[in-house]
Amino acid sequence: RGFFLSAAGKFGGDFLVYPGDPLRFHAHYIAQCWAPGDPIPL
């Protein structure tokens, strides 16, 4: 989809999602990966 991604361990996620080069943009999203059947604790 055109996003740049990096590790997001210190932000509690799997990936940091950037709209462009991380040298020019801040991350907009903290992506967490969940399997379809996995429950998410509230």
PDB file of all heavy atoms in Angstrom:
ATOM      1  N   ARG A   1       0.818  -1.220   0.000  1.00  0.00           N
ATOM      2  CA  ARG A   1       0.000   0.000   0.000  1.00  0.00           C
ATOM      3  C   ARG A   1       0.848   1.265   0.000  1.00  0.00           C
ATOM      4  O   ARG A   1       0.298   2.376  -0.008  1.00  0.00           O
ATOM      5  CB  ARG A   1      -0.936   0.006   1.207  1.00  0.00           C
ATOM      6  CG  ARG A   1      -1.987  -1.099   1.177  1.00  0.00           C
ATOM      7  CD  ARG A   1      -2.731  -1.169   2.492  1.00  0.00           C
ATOM      8  NE  ARG A   1      -3.704  -2.247   2.532  1.00  0.00           N
ATOM      9  CZ  ARG A   1      -4.998  -2.121   2.267  1.00  0.00           C
ATOM     10  NH1 ARG A   1      -5.481  -0.918   1.959  1.00  0.00           N
ATOM     11  NH2 ARG A   1      -5.819  -3.152   2.333  1.00  0.00           N
ATOM     12  N   GLY A   2       2.183   1.138   0.056  1.00  0.00           N
ATOM     13  CA  GLY A   2       3.066   2.292  -0.025  1.00  0.00           C
ATOM     14  C   GLY A   2       3.567   2.823   1.295  1.00  0.00           C
ATOM     15  O   GLY A   2       4.189   3.883   1.344  1.00  0.00           O
ATOM     16  N   PHE A   3       3.324   2.086   2.390  1.00  0.00           N
ATOM     17  CA  PHE A   3       3.775   2.553   3.701  1.00  0.00           C
ATOM     18  C   PHE A   3       5.203   2.066   3.977  1.00  0.00           C
ATOM     19  O   PHE A   3       5.630   1.020   3.484  1.00  0.00           O
ATOM     20  CB  PHE A   3       2.855   2.036   4.807  1.00  0.00           C
ATOM     21  CG  PHE A   3       1.474   2.633   4.780  1.00  0.00           C
ATOM     22  CD1 PHE A   3       0.399   1.921   4.251  1.00  0.00           C
ATOM     23  CD2 PHE A   3       1.247   3.909   5.281  1.00  0.00           C
ATOM     24  CE1 PHE A   3      -0.872   2.461   4.228  1.00  0.00           C
ATOM     25  CE2 PHE A   3      -0.024   4.461   5.268  1.00  0.00           C
ATOM     26  CZ  PHE A   3      -1.085   3.734   4.728  1.00  0.00           C
ATOM     27  N   PHE A   4       5.910   2.846   4.779  1.00  0.00           N
ATOM     28  CA  PHE A   4       7.183   2.421   5.373  1.00  0.00           C
ATOM     29  C   PHE A   4       6.873   1.834   6.750  1.00  0.00           C
ATOM     30  O   PHE A   4       6.023   2.368   7.473  1.00  0.00           O
ATOM     31  CB  PHE A   4       8.143   3.604   5.541  1.00  0.00           C
ATOM     32  CG  PHE A   4       8.978   3.905   4.340  1.00  0.00           C
ATOM     33  CD1 PHE A   4       8.403   4.449   3.205  1.00  0.00           C
ATOM     34  CD2 PHE A   4      10.341   3.655   4.338  1.00  0.00           C
ATOM     35  CE1 PHE A   4       9.169   4.743   2.096  1.00  0.00           C
ATOM     36  CE2 PHE A   4      11.121   3.931   3.235  1.00  0.00           C
ATOM     37  CZ  PHE A   4      10.529   4.476   2.102  1.00  0.00           C
ATOM     38  N   LEU A   5       7.577   0.767   7.114  1.00  0.00           N
ATOM     39  CA  LEU A   5       7.333   0.132   8.403  1.00  0.00           C
ATOM     40  C   LEU A   5       8.643  -0.068   9.145  1.00  0.00           C
ATOM     41  O   LEU A   5       9.700  -0.299   8.535  1.00  0.00           O
ATOM     42  CB  LEU A   5       6.631  -1.221   8.241  1.00  0.00           C
ATOM     43  CG  LEU A   5       5.166  -1.188   7.794  1.00  0.00           C
ATOM     44  CD1 LEU A   5       5.060  -1.232   6.274  1.00  0.00           C
ATOM     45  CD2 LEU A   5       4.386  -2.337   8.402  1.00  0.00           C
ATOM     46  N   SER A   6       8.558   0.011  10.470  1.00  0.00           N
ATOM     47  CA  SER A   6       9.704  -0.268  11.344  1.00  0.00           C
ATOM     48  C   SER A   6       9.194  -0.969  12.587  1.00  0.00           C
ATOM     49  O   SER A   6       7.978  -1.044  12.829  1.00  0.00           O
ATOM     50  CB  SER A   6      10.444   1.024  11.712  1.00  0.00           C
ATOM     51  OG  SER A   6       9.631   1.857  12.517  1.00  0.00           O
ATOM     52  N   ALA A   7      10.102  -1.465  13.395  1.00  0.00           N
ATOM     53  CA  ALA A   7       9.718  -2.165  14.622  1.00  0.00           C
ATOM     54  C   ALA A   7       9.105  -1.184  15.623  1.00  0.00           C
ATOM     55  O   ALA A   7       9.483  -0.018  15.690  1.00  0.00           O
ATOM     56  CB  ALA A   7      10.920  -2.864  15.239  1.00  0.00           C
ATOM     57  N   ALA A   8       8.158  -1.676  16.404  1.00  0.00           N
ATOM     58  CA  ALA A   8       7.444  -0.816  17.359  1.00  0.00           C
ATOM     59  C   ALA A   8       7.412  -1.440  18.741  1.00  0.00           C
ATOM     60  O   ALA A   8       6.411  -1.327  19.454  1.00  0.00           O
ATOM     61  CB  ALA A   8       6.032  -0.544  16.859  1.00  0.00           C
ATOM     62  N   GLY A   9       8.508  -2.091  19.131  1.00  0.00           N
ATOM     63  CA  GLY A   9       8.528  -2.747  20.431  1.00  0.00           C
ATOM     64  C   GLY A   9       8.302  -1.794  21.585  1.00  0.00           C
ATOM     65  O   GLY A   9       7.541  -2.092  22.524  1.00  0.00           O
ATOM     66  N   LYS A  10       8.936  -0.621  21.545  1.00  0.00           N
ATOM     67  CA  LYS A  10       8.795   0.306  22.674  1.00  0.00           C
ATOM     68  C   LYS A  10       7.469   1.051  22.666  1.00  0.00           C
ATOM     69  O   LYS A  10       7.175   1.801  23.600  1.00  0.00           O
ATOM     70  CB  LYS A  10       9.949   1.297  22.682  1.00  0.00           C
ATOM     71  CG  LYS A  10      10.013   2.203  21.465  1.00  0.00           C
ATOM     72  CD  LYS A  10      11.208   3.134  21.569  1.00  0.00           C
ATOM     73  CE  LYS A  10      11.287   4.057  20.360  1.00  0.00           C
ATOM     74  NZ  LYS A  10      12.453   4.961  20.458  1.00  0.00           N
ATOM     75  N   PHE A  11       6.662   0.875  21.618  1.00  0.00           N
ATOM     76  CA  PHE A  11       5.340   1.495  21.568  1.00  0.00           C
ATOM     77  C   PHE A  11       4.228   0.474  21.801  1.00  0.00           C
ATOM     78  O   PHE A  11       3.049   0.778  21.587  1.00  0.00           O
ATOM     79  CB  PHE A  11       5.124   2.185  20.215  1.00  0.00           C
ATOM     80  CG  PHE A  11       5.965   3.409  20.014  1.00  0.00           C
ATOM     81  CD1 PHE A  11       7.187   3.322  19.370  1.00  0.00           C
ATOM     82  CD2 PHE A  11       5.555   4.647  20.476  1.00  0.00           C
ATOM     83  CE1 PHE A  11       7.971   4.437  19.183  1.00  0.00           C
ATOM     84  CE2 PHE A  11       6.327   5.772  20.294  1.00  0.00           C
ATOM     85  CZ  PHE A  11       7.547   5.662  19.649  1.00  0.00           C
ATOM     86  N   GLY A  12       4.586  -0.744  22.184  1.00  0.00           N
ATOM     87  CA  GLY A  12       3.581  -1.744  22.481  1.00  0.00           C
ATOM     88  C   GLY A  12       2.917  -2.340  21.263  1.00  0.00           C
ATOM     89  O   GLY A  12       1.797  -2.867  21.375  1.00  0.00           O
ATOM     90  N   GLY A  13       3.559  -2.303  20.107  1.00  0.00           N
ATOM     91  CA  GLY A  13       2.968  -2.862  18.904  1.00  0.00           C
ATOM     92  C   GLY A  13       3.967  -3.710  18.143  1.00  0.00           C
ATOM     93  O   GLY A  13       5.083  -3.979  18.612  1.00  0.00           O
ATOM     94  N   ASP A  14       3.552  -4.141  16.961  1.00  0.00           N
ATOM     95  CA  ASP A  14       4.424  -4.935  16.097  1.00  0.00           C
ATOM     96  C   ASP A  14       5.172  -4.063  15.087  1.00  0.00           C
ATOM     97  O   ASP A  14       6.342  -4.314  14.803  1.00  0.00           O
ATOM     98  CB  ASP A  14       3.599  -5.993  15.356  1.00  0.00           C
ATOM     99  CG  ASP A  14       3.036  -7.032  16.305  1.00  0.00           C
ATOM    100  OD1 ASP A  14       3.823  -7.848  16.822  1.00  0.00           O
ATOM    101  OD2 ASP A  14       1.815  -7.025  16.534  1.00  0.00           O
ATOM    102  N   PHE A  15       4.477  -3.064  14.523  1.00  0.00           N
ATOM    103  CA  PHE A  15       5.079  -2.194  13.523  1.00  0.00           C
ATOM    104  C   PHE A  15       4.664  -0.754  13.771  1.00  0.00           C
ATOM    105  O   PHE A  15       3.546  -0.485  14.235  1.00  0.00           O
ATOM    106  CB  PHE A  15       4.659  -2.587  12.092  1.00  0.00           C
ATOM    107  CG  PHE A  15       4.967  -4.008  11.729  1.00  0.00           C
ATOM    108  CD1 PHE A  15       3.937  -4.927  11.529  1.00  0.00           C
ATOM    109  CD2 PHE A  15       6.275  -4.445  11.576  1.00  0.00           C
ATOM    110  CE1 PHE A  15       4.205  -6.231  11.194  1.00  0.00           C
ATOM    111  CE2 PHE A  15       6.556  -5.753  11.243  1.00  0.00           C
ATOM    112  CZ  PHE A  15       5.524  -6.644  11.050  1.00  0.00           C
ATOM    113  N   LEU A  16       5.573   0.157  13.428  1.00  0.00           N
ATOM    114  CA  LEU A  16       5.222   1.563  13.266  1.00  0.00           C
ATOM    115  C   LEU A  16       4.995   1.796  11.782  1.00  0.00           C
ATOM    116  O   LEU A  16       5.815   1.408  10.953  1.00  0.00           O
ATOM    117  CB  LEU A  16       6.334   2.479  13.780  1.00  0.00           C
ATOM    118  CG  LEU A  16       6.490   2.622  15.293  1.00  0.00           C
ATOM    119  CD1 LEU A  16       7.673   3.518  15.616  1.00  0.00           C
ATOM    120  CD2 LEU A  16       5.222   3.183  15.919  1.00  0.00           C
ATOM    121  N   VAL A  17       3.909   2.458  11.453  1.00  0.00           N
ATOM    122  CA  VAL A  17       3.518   2.643  10.055  1.00  0.00           C
ATOM    123  C   VAL A  17       3.689   4.118   9.695  1.00  0.00           C
ATOM    124  O   VAL A  17       3.058   4.985  10.316  1.00  0.00           O
ATOM    125  CB  VAL A  17       2.063   2.185   9.819  1.00  0.00           C
ATOM    126  CG1 VAL A  17       1.712   2.281   8.347  1.00  0.00           C
ATOM    127  CG2 VAL A  17       1.876   0.764  10.325  1.00  0.00           C
ATOM    128  N   TYR A  18       4.525   4.368   8.680  1.00  0.00           N
ATOM    129  CA  TYR A  18       4.820   5.728   8.241  1.00  0.00           C
ATOM    130  C   TYR A  18       4.209   5.978   6.863  1.00  0.00           C
ATOM    131  O   TYR A  18       4.214   5.075   6.008  1.00  0.00           O
ATOM    132  CB  TYR A  18       6.336   5.952   8.140  1.00  0.00           C
ATOM    133  CG  TYR A  18       7.098   5.782   9.428  1.00  0.00           C
ATOM    134  CD1 TYR A  18       7.472   4.525   9.882  1.00  0.00           C
ATOM    135  CD2 TYR A  18       7.471   6.885  10.184  1.00  0.00           C
ATOM    136  CE1 TYR A  18       8.182   4.364  11.060  1.00  0.00           C
ATOM    137  CE2 TYR A  18       8.196   6.737  11.372  1.00  0.00           C
ATOM    138  CZ  TYR A  18       8.534   5.471  11.798  1.00  0.00           C
ATOM    139  OH  TYR A  18       9.249   5.313  12.962  1.00  0.00           O
ATOM    140  N   PRO A  19       3.736   7.182   6.605  1.00  0.00           N
ATOM    141  CA  PRO A  19       3.208   7.486   5.261  1.00  0.00           C
ATOM    142  C   PRO A  19       4.300   7.659   4.221  1.00  0.00           C
ATOM    143  O   PRO A  19       4.013   7.670   3.019  1.00  0.00           O
ATOM    144  CB  PRO A  19       2.439   8.794   5.478  1.00  0.00           C
ATOM    145  CG  PRO A  19       3.139   9.437   6.636  1.00  0.00           C
ATOM    146  CD  PRO A  19       3.575   8.306   7.520  1.00  0.00           C
ATOM    147  N   GLY A  20       5.535   7.808   4.643  1.00  0.00           N
ATOM    148  CA  GLY A  20       6.667   7.977   3.737  1.00  0.00           C
ATOM    149  C   GLY A  20       7.952   7.624   4.453  1.00  0.00           C
ATOM    150  O   GLY A  20       7.949   6.908   5.465  1.00  0.00           O
ATOM    151  N   ASP A  21       9.055   8.127   3.930  1.00  0.00           N
ATOM    152  CA  ASP A  21      10.364   7.856   4.521  1.00  0.00           C
ATOM    153  C   ASP A  21      10.382   8.320   5.980  1.00  0.00           C
ATOM    154  O   ASP A  21      10.041   9.469   6.269  1.00  0.00           O
ATOM    155  CB  ASP A  21      11.453   8.584   3.726  1.00  0.00           C
ATOM    156  CG  ASP A  21      12.847   8.099   4.072  1.00  0.00           C
ATOM    157  OD1 ASP A  21      13.066   7.696   5.233  1.00  0.00           O
ATOM    158  OD2 ASP A  21      13.727   8.124   3.197  1.00  0.00           O
ATOM    159  N   PRO A  22      10.775   7.461   6.924  1.00  0.00           N
ATOM    160  CA  PRO A  22      10.813   7.879   8.338  1.00  0.00           C
ATOM    161  C   PRO A  22      11.745   9.046   8.605  1.00  0.00           C
ATOM    162  O   PRO A  22      11.621   9.695   9.647  1.00  0.00           O
ATOM    163  CB  PRO A  22      11.301   6.605   9.053  1.00  0.00           C
ATOM    164  CG  PRO A  22      10.902   5.492   8.159  1.00  0.00           C
ATOM    165  CD  PRO A  22      11.032   6.018   6.766  1.00  0.00           C
ATOM    166  N   LEU A  23      12.679   9.327   7.701  1.00  0.00           N
ATOM    167  CA  LEU A  23      13.530  10.507   7.873  1.00  0.00           C
ATOM    168  C   LEU A  23      12.774  11.803   7.613  1.00  0.00           C
ATOM    169  O   LEU A  23      13.249  12.877   7.978  1.00  0.00           O
ATOM    170  CB  LEU A  23      14.738  10.422   6.945  1.00  0.00           C
ATOM    171  CG  LEU A  23      15.711   9.275   7.205  1.00  0.00           C
ATOM    172  CD1 LEU A  23      16.828   9.280   6.173  1.00  0.00           C
ATOM    173  CD2 LEU A  23      16.289   9.367   8.609  1.00  0.00           C
ATOM    174  N   ARG A  24      11.610  11.697   7.003  1.00  0.00           N
ATOM    175  CA  ARG A  24      10.835  12.897   6.650  1.00  0.00           C
ATOM    176  C   ARG A  24       9.473  12.948   7.334  1.00  0.00           C
ATOM    177  O   ARG A  24       8.861  14.017   7.400  1.00  0.00           O
ATOM    178  CB  ARG A  24      10.642  12.958   5.138  1.00  0.00           C
ATOM    179  CG  ARG A  24      11.921  12.991   4.335  1.00  0.00           C
ATOM    180  CD  ARG A  24      11.637  13.008   2.848  1.00  0.00           C
ATOM    181  NE  ARG A  24      10.800  14.131   2.465  1.00  0.00           N
ATOM    182  CZ  ARG A  24      10.307  14.316   1.245  1.00  0.00           C
ATOM    183  NH1 ARG A  24      10.517  13.411   0.315  1.00  0.00           N
ATOM    184  NH2 ARG A  24       9.568  15.382   0.975  1.00  0.00           N
ATOM    185  N   PHE A  25       8.967  11.824   7.794  1.00  0.00           N
ATOM    186  CA  PHE A  25       7.622  11.772   8.364  1.00  0.00           C
ATOM    187  C   PHE A  25       7.652  11.101   9.730  1.00  0.00           C
ATOM    188  O   PHE A  25       8.523  10.271  10.003  1.00  0.00           O
ATOM    189  CB  PHE A  25       6.664  10.981   7.453  1.00  0.00           C
ATOM    190  CG  PHE A  25       6.472  11.582   6.092  1.00  0.00           C
ATOM    191  CD1 PHE A  25       7.268  11.182   5.032  1.00  0.00           C
ATOM    192  CD2 PHE A  25       5.512  12.549   5.871  1.00  0.00           C
ATOM    193  CE1 PHE A  25       7.110  11.724   3.773  1.00  0.00           C
ATOM    194  CE2 PHE A  25       5.330  13.101   4.614  1.00  0.00           C
ATOM    195  CZ  PHE A  25       6.135  12.688   3.559  1.00  0.00           C
ATOM    196  N   HIS A  26       6.683  11.462  10.562  1.00  0.00           N
ATOM    197  CA  HIS A  26       6.430  10.746  11.802  1.00  0.00           C
ATOM    198  C   HIS A  26       5.469   9.589  11.517  1.00  0.00           C
ATOM    199  O   HIS A  26       4.710   9.607  10.531  1.00  0.00           O
ATOM    200  CB  HIS A  26       5.816  11.669  12.857  1.00  0.00           C
ATOM    201  CG  HIS A  26       6.775  12.694  13.385  1.00  0.00           C
ATOM    202  ND1 HIS A  26       7.808  12.372  14.233  1.00  0.00           N
ATOM    203  CD2 HIS A  26       6.856  14.037  13.178  1.00  0.00           C
ATOM    204  CE1 HIS A  26       8.477  13.463  14.539  1.00  0.00           C
ATOM    205  NE2 HIS A  26       7.927  14.493  13.907  1.00  0.00           N
ATOM    206  N   ALA A  27       5.525   8.591  12.376  1.00  0.00           N
ATOM    207  CA  ALA A  27       4.613   7.461  12.211  1.00  0.00           C
ATOM    208  C   ALA A  27       3.186   7.892  12.542  1.00  0.00           C
ATOM    209  O   ALA A  27       2.940   8.648  13.493  1.00  0.00           O
ATOM    210  CB  ALA A  27       5.038   6.308  13.113  1.00  0.00           C
ATOM    211  N   HIS A  28       2.227   7.395  11.756  1.00  0.00           N
ATOM    212  CA  HIS A  28       0.812   7.699  11.985  1.00  0.00           C
ATOM    213  C   HIS A  28       0.097   6.593  12.756  1.00  0.00           C
ATOM    214  O   HIS A  28      -0.903   6.855  13.419  1.00  0.00           O
ATOM    215  CB  HIS A  28       0.097   7.920  10.649  1.00  0.00           C
ATOM    216  CG  HIS A  28       0.440   9.223  10.001  1.00  0.00           C
ATOM    217  ND1 HIS A  28      -0.173   9.690   8.857  1.00  0.00           N
ATOM    218  CD2 HIS A  28       1.345  10.181  10.336  1.00  0.00           C
ATOM    219  CE1 HIS A  28       0.323  10.867   8.518  1.00  0.00           C
ATOM    220  NE2 HIS A  28       1.247  11.180   9.400  1.00  0.00           N
ATOM    221  N   TYR A  29       0.598   5.359  12.648  1.00  0.00           N
ATOM    222  CA  TYR A  29      -0.110   4.227  13.236  1.00  0.00           C
ATOM    223  C   TYR A  29       0.852   3.335  14.022  1.00  0.00           C
ATOM    224  O   TYR A  29       2.040   3.226  13.694  1.00  0.00           O
ATOM    225  CB  TYR A  29      -0.782   3.368  12.155  1.00  0.00           C
ATOM    226  CG  TYR A  29      -1.733   4.124  11.267  1.00  0.00           C
ATOM    227  CD1 TYR A  29      -1.324   4.554  10.011  1.00  0.00           C
ATOM    228  CD2 TYR A  29      -3.033   4.408  11.673  1.00  0.00           C
ATOM    229  CE1 TYR A  29      -2.189   5.249   9.178  1.00  0.00           C
ATOM    230  CE2 TYR A  29      -3.912   5.102  10.856  1.00  0.00           C
ATOM    231  CZ  TYR A  29      -3.480   5.528   9.612  1.00  0.00           C
ATOM    232  OH  TYR A  29      -4.334   6.220   8.794  1.00  0.00           O
ATOM    233  N   ILE A  30       0.300   2.700  15.047  1.00  0.00           N
ATOM    234  CA  ILE A  30       0.960   1.606  15.749  1.00  0.00           C
ATOM    235  C   ILE A  30       0.176   0.344  15.413  1.00  0.00           C
ATOM    236  O   ILE A  30      -0.981   0.192  15.822  1.00  0.00           O
ATOM    237  CB  ILE A  30       0.984   1.832  17.272  1.00  0.00           C
ATOM    238  CG1 ILE A  30       1.707   3.132  17.615  1.00  0.00           C
ATOM    239  CG2 ILE A  30       1.652   0.662  17.966  1.00  0.00           C
ATOM    240  CD1 ILE A  30       1.670   3.479  19.088  1.00  0.00           C
ATOM    241  N   ALA A  31       0.784  -0.532  14.633  1.00  0.00           N
ATOM    242  CA  ALA A  31       0.080  -1.717  14.149  1.00  0.00           C
ATOM    243  C   ALA A  31       0.294  -2.879  15.112  1.00  0.00           C
ATOM    244  O   ALA A  31       1.429  -3.174  15.504  1.00  0.00           O
ATOM    245  CB  ALA A  31       0.565  -2.088  12.754  1.00  0.00           C
ATOM    246  N   GLN A  32      -0.795  -3.527  15.469  1.00  0.00           N
ATOM    247  CA  GLN A  32      -0.766  -4.759  16.244  1.00  0.00           C
ATOM    248  C   GLN A  32      -1.353  -5.889  15.404  1.00  0.00           C
ATOM    249  O   GLN A  32      -2.405  -5.715  14.791  1.00  0.00           O
ATOM    250  CB  GLN A  32      -1.559  -4.616  17.551  1.00  0.00           C
ATOM    251  CG  GLN A  32      -0.881  -3.786  18.613  1.00  0.00           C
ATOM    252  CD  GLN A  32      -1.607  -3.870  19.948  1.00  0.00           C
ATOM    253  OE1 GLN A  32      -2.706  -4.412  20.042  1.00  0.00           O
ATOM    254  NE2 GLN A  32      -0.994  -3.345  20.992  1.00  0.00           N
ATOM    255  N   CYS A  33      -0.635  -7.014  15.383  1.00  0.00           N
ATOM    256  CA  CYS A  33      -1.042  -8.146  14.560  1.00  0.00           C
ATOM    257  C   CYS A  33      -1.802  -9.158  15.418  1.00  0.00           C
ATOM    258  O   CYS A  33      -1.279  -9.615  16.447  1.00  0.00           O
ATOM    259  CB  CYS A  33       0.178  -8.805  13.910  1.00  0.00           C
ATOM    260  SG  CYS A  33       1.191  -7.664  12.919  1.00  0.00           S
ATOM    261  N   TRP A  34      -2.995  -9.494  14.981  1.00  0.00           N
ATOM    262  CA  TRP A  34      -3.829 -10.464  15.694  1.00  0.00           C
ATOM    263  C   TRP A  34      -4.356 -11.483  14.692  1.00  0.00           C
ATOM    264  O   TRP A  34      -4.797 -11.143  13.598  1.00  0.00           O
ATOM    265  CB  TRP A  34      -5.006  -9.766  16.383  1.00  0.00           C
ATOM    266  CG  TRP A  34      -4.598  -8.831  17.478  1.00  0.00           C
ATOM    267  CD1 TRP A  34      -4.345  -7.503  17.365  1.00  0.00           C
ATOM    268  CD2 TRP A  34      -4.374  -9.169  18.837  1.00  0.00           C
ATOM    269  NE1 TRP A  34      -3.982  -6.974  18.574  1.00  0.00           N
ATOM    270  CE2 TRP A  34      -3.991  -7.979  19.514  1.00  0.00           C
ATOM    271  CE3 TRP A  34      -4.470 -10.350  19.578  1.00  0.00           C
ATOM    272  CZ2 TRP A  34      -3.702  -7.939  20.866  1.00  0.00           C
ATOM    273  CZ3 TRP A  34      -4.188 -10.308  20.932  1.00  0.00           C
ATOM    274  CH2 TRP A  34      -3.802  -9.122  21.566  1.00  0.00           C
ATOM    275  N   ALA A  35      -4.302 -12.760  15.102  1.00  0.00           N
ATOM    276  CA  ALA A  35      -4.902 -13.808  14.287  1.00  0.00           C
ATOM    277  C   ALA A  35      -6.421 -13.687  14.326  1.00  0.00           C
ATOM    278  O   ALA A  35      -6.984 -13.151  15.296  1.00  0.00           O
ATOM    279  CB  ALA A  35      -4.454 -15.182  14.782  1.00  0.00           C
ATOM    280  N   PRO A  36      -7.137 -14.148  13.285  1.00  0.00           N
ATOM    281  CA  PRO A  36      -8.602 -13.953  13.239  1.00  0.00           C
ATOM    282  C   PRO A  36      -9.339 -14.512  14.455  1.00  0.00           C
ATOM    283  O   PRO A  36     -10.307 -13.921  14.923  1.00  0.00           O
ATOM    284  CB  PRO A  36      -9.011 -14.688  11.958  1.00  0.00           C
ATOM    285  CG  PRO A  36      -7.782 -14.716  11.116  1.00  0.00           C
ATOM    286  CD  PRO A  36      -6.631 -14.797  12.072  1.00  0.00           C
ATOM    287  N   GLY A  37      -8.907 -15.620  15.003  1.00  0.00           N
ATOM    288  CA  GLY A  37      -9.645 -16.215  16.109  1.00  0.00           C
ATOM    289  C   GLY A  37      -9.104 -15.899  17.480  1.00  0.00           C
ATOM    290  O   GLY A  37      -9.614 -16.413  18.487  1.00  0.00           O
ATOM    291  N   ASP A  38      -8.084 -15.071  17.580  1.00  0.00           N
ATOM    292  CA  ASP A  38      -7.494 -14.762  18.884  1.00  0.00           C
ATOM    293  C   ASP A  38      -8.333 -13.730  19.628  1.00  0.00           C
ATOM    294  O   ASP A  38      -8.699 -12.688  19.057  1.00  0.00           O
ATOM    295  CB  ASP A  38      -6.071 -14.228  18.709  1.00  0.00           C
ATOM    296  CG  ASP A  38      -5.103 -15.310  18.279  1.00  0.00           C
ATOM    297  OD1 ASP A  38      -5.486 -16.496  18.352  1.00  0.00           O
ATOM    298  OD2 ASP A  38      -3.977 -14.974  17.859  1.00  0.00           O
ATOM    299  N   PRO A  39      -8.668 -13.973  20.909  1.00  0.00           N
ATOM    300  CA  PRO A  39      -9.378 -12.951  21.698  1.00  0.00           C
ATOM    301  C   PRO A  39      -8.417 -11.844  22.112  1.00  0.00           C
ATOM    302  O   PRO A  39      -7.234 -12.075  22.378  1.00  0.00           O
ATOM    303  CB  PRO A  39      -9.883 -13.734  22.909  1.00  0.00           C
ATOM    304  CG  PRO A  39      -8.891 -14.853  23.064  1.00  0.00           C
ATOM    305  CD  PRO A  39      -8.451 -15.219  21.672  1.00  0.00           C
ATOM    306  N   ILE A  40      -8.932 -10.640  22.163  1.00  0.00           N
ATOM    307  CA  ILE A  40      -8.129  -9.479  22.566  1.00  0.00           C
ATOM    308  C   ILE A  40      -8.578  -9.069  23.964  1.00  0.00           C
ATOM    309  O   ILE A  40      -9.735  -8.666  24.143  1.00  0.00           O
ATOM    310  CB  ILE A  40      -8.307  -8.307  21.588  1.00  0.00           C
ATOM    311  CG1 ILE A  40      -7.937  -8.741  20.167  1.00  0.00           C
ATOM    312  CG2 ILE A  40      -7.441  -7.127  22.012  1.00  0.00           C
ATOM    313  CD1 ILE A  40      -8.146  -7.649  19.131  1.00  0.00           C
ATOM    314  N   PRO A  41      -7.713  -9.181  24.970  1.00  0.00           N
ATOM    315  CA  PRO A  41      -8.105  -8.761  26.328  1.00  0.00           C
ATOM    316  C   PRO A  41      -8.461  -7.280  26.351  1.00  0.00           C
ATOM    317  O   PRO A  41      -7.778  -6.441  25.741  1.00  0.00           O
ATOM    318  CB  PRO A  41      -6.861  -9.059  27.164  1.00  0.00           C
ATOM    319  CG  PRO A  41      -6.112 -10.096  26.383  1.00  0.00           C
ATOM    320  CD  PRO A  41      -6.361  -9.776  24.950  1.00  0.00           C
ATOM    321  N   LEU A  42      -9.517  -6.959  27.047  1.00  0.00           N
ATOM    322  CA  LEU A  42      -9.997  -5.577  27.093  1.00  0.00           C
ATOM    323  C   LEU A  42      -8.961  -4.653  27.723  1.00  0.00           C
ATOM    324  O   LEU A  42      -8.764  -3.505  27.282  1.00  0.00           O
ATOM    325  CB  LEU A  42     -11.330  -5.515  27.858  1.00  0.00           C
ATOM    326  CG  LEU A  42     -11.990  -4.133  27.942  1.00  0.00           C
ATOM    327  CD1 LEU A  42     -12.284  -3.592  26.570  1.00  0.00           C
ATOM    328  CD2 LEU A  42     -13.257  -4.212  28.782  1.00  0.00           C
TER     329      LEU A  42
END
